[in-house]
Amino acid sequence: MTQDELTKIAKDIIKNNVYLTSGTTDGNSPWTTPTDKRVEVFMK
C-alpha cells in the first residue's frame, strides 16, 4: 500500500468513529486512553 492509501484509511477510521483509543508505550509498559474528541484540523 502507498502512503496516500494508508493516510486515507486512517482518516476514514477517524472520520467514522466518535470514540477512539490512543495508545503508546515507554518500551516497557503500554498504556491506552479513550478519547471523545476528533481533531477537525486533521480531517481537512
N, C-alpha and C. Protein backbone atom coordinates (compact mmCIF):
# COMPACT_ATOMS: atom_id res chain seq x y z
N MET A 1 0.84 -1.19 0.00
CA MET A 1 0.00 0.00 0.00
C MET A 1 0.88 1.24 0.00
N THR A 2 0.37 2.26 -0.66
CA THR A 2 1.11 3.52 -0.68
C THR A 2 0.80 4.33 0.58
N GLN A 3 1.62 5.33 0.84
CA GLN A 3 1.40 6.20 1.99
C GLN A 3 0.06 6.93 1.85
N ASP A 4 -0.30 7.34 0.64
CA ASP A 4 -1.59 8.01 0.42
C ASP A 4 -2.76 7.09 0.75
N GLU A 5 -2.66 5.82 0.38
CA GLU A 5 -3.73 4.86 0.69
C GLU A 5 -3.85 4.64 2.20
N LEU A 6 -2.72 4.53 2.88
CA LEU A 6 -2.74 4.35 4.33
C LEU A 6 -3.31 5.58 5.03
N THR A 7 -2.96 6.76 4.54
CA THR A 7 -3.49 8.00 5.10
C THR A 7 -5.00 8.07 4.93
N LYS A 8 -5.50 7.69 3.77
CA LYS A 8 -6.95 7.69 3.54
C LYS A 8 -7.66 6.72 4.47
N ILE A 9 -7.09 5.54 4.66
CA ILE A 9 -7.69 4.56 5.57
C ILE A 9 -7.75 5.11 6.99
N ALA A 10 -6.64 5.71 7.45
CA ALA A 10 -6.60 6.27 8.81
C ALA A 10 -7.62 7.39 8.96
N LYS A 11 -7.72 8.27 7.98
CA LYS A 11 -8.68 9.37 8.05
C LYS A 11 -10.11 8.85 8.03
N ASP A 12 -10.39 7.81 7.25
CA ASP A 12 -11.73 7.23 7.22
C ASP A 12 -12.10 6.62 8.57
N ILE A 13 -11.15 5.96 9.22
CA ILE A 13 -11.41 5.39 10.54
C ILE A 13 -11.74 6.50 11.54
N ILE A 14 -10.93 7.55 11.54
CA ILE A 14 -11.16 8.67 12.47
C ILE A 14 -12.48 9.36 12.16
N LYS A 15 -12.76 9.58 10.89
CA LYS A 15 -13.98 10.28 10.48
C LYS A 15 -15.24 9.51 10.87
N ASN A 16 -15.21 8.19 10.81
CA ASN A 16 -16.40 7.38 11.02
C ASN A 16 -16.57 6.87 12.45
N ASN A 17 -15.73 7.30 13.36
CA ASN A 17 -15.84 6.89 14.76
C ASN A 17 -15.85 8.10 15.66
N VAL A 18 -16.79 8.12 16.61
CA VAL A 18 -16.87 9.22 17.56
C VAL A 18 -15.84 9.01 18.67
N TYR A 19 -15.69 7.78 19.11
CA TYR A 19 -14.78 7.45 20.20
C TYR A 19 -13.61 6.63 19.67
N LEU A 20 -12.42 7.01 20.03
CA LEU A 20 -11.22 6.30 19.64
C LEU A 20 -10.38 6.04 20.88
N THR A 21 -9.43 5.13 20.77
CA THR A 21 -8.48 4.87 21.84
C THR A 21 -7.09 5.17 21.34
N SER A 22 -6.37 5.96 22.09
CA SER A 22 -5.00 6.30 21.76
C SER A 22 -4.09 5.45 22.64
N GLY A 23 -3.02 4.92 22.07
CA GLY A 23 -2.13 4.10 22.86
C GLY A 23 -0.67 4.36 22.54
N THR A 24 0.17 4.09 23.51
CA THR A 24 1.61 4.24 23.35
C THR A 24 2.33 3.34 24.34
N THR A 25 3.63 3.38 24.33
CA THR A 25 4.42 2.62 25.29
C THR A 25 5.73 3.34 25.56
N ASP A 26 6.29 3.10 26.72
CA ASP A 26 7.60 3.66 27.04
C ASP A 26 8.70 2.62 26.79
N GLY A 27 8.34 1.55 26.14
CA GLY A 27 9.28 0.47 25.88
C GLY A 27 9.09 -0.69 26.83
N ASN A 28 8.46 -0.43 27.97
CA ASN A 28 8.20 -1.49 28.95
C ASN A 28 6.71 -1.68 29.22
N SER A 29 6.02 -0.57 29.42
CA SER A 29 4.61 -0.64 29.81
C SER A 29 3.73 0.08 28.80
N PRO A 30 2.84 -0.65 28.14
CA PRO A 30 1.90 0.02 27.23
C PRO A 30 0.78 0.68 28.03
N TRP A 31 0.20 1.72 27.49
CA TRP A 31 -0.98 2.31 28.09
C TRP A 31 -1.89 2.85 27.00
N THR A 32 -3.16 2.87 27.29
CA THR A 32 -4.15 3.40 26.36
C THR A 32 -5.08 4.36 27.10
N THR A 33 -5.70 5.23 26.34
CA THR A 33 -6.68 6.14 26.90
C THR A 33 -7.78 6.39 25.87
N PRO A 34 -9.03 6.29 26.29
CA PRO A 34 -10.12 6.59 25.35
C PRO A 34 -10.18 8.10 25.09
N THR A 35 -10.60 8.45 23.91
CA THR A 35 -10.78 9.86 23.57
C THR A 35 -12.19 10.06 23.05
N ASP A 36 -12.71 11.24 23.24
CA ASP A 36 -14.06 11.52 22.75
C ASP A 36 -14.11 12.74 21.84
N LYS A 37 -12.96 13.22 21.44
CA LYS A 37 -12.90 14.36 20.53
C LYS A 37 -12.05 14.01 19.32
N ARG A 38 -12.49 14.44 18.17
CA ARG A 38 -11.68 14.28 16.97
C ARG A 38 -11.04 15.61 16.64
N VAL A 39 -9.88 15.57 16.08
CA VAL A 39 -9.20 16.80 15.68
C VAL A 39 -9.70 17.16 14.29
N GLU A 40 -10.54 18.17 14.22
CA GLU A 40 -11.14 18.55 12.94
C GLU A 40 -10.09 19.08 11.96
N VAL A 41 -9.04 19.69 12.44
CA VAL A 41 -7.99 20.19 11.56
C VAL A 41 -7.37 19.04 10.79
N PHE A 42 -7.19 17.90 11.46
CA PHE A 42 -6.61 16.72 10.84
C PHE A 42 -7.47 16.22 9.69
N MET A 43 -8.77 16.42 9.78
CA MET A 43 -9.71 15.87 8.81
C MET A 43 -9.76 16.65 7.51
N LYS A 44 -9.09 17.79 7.43
CA LYS A 44 -9.14 18.60 6.21
C LYS A 44 -8.30 17.98 5.12
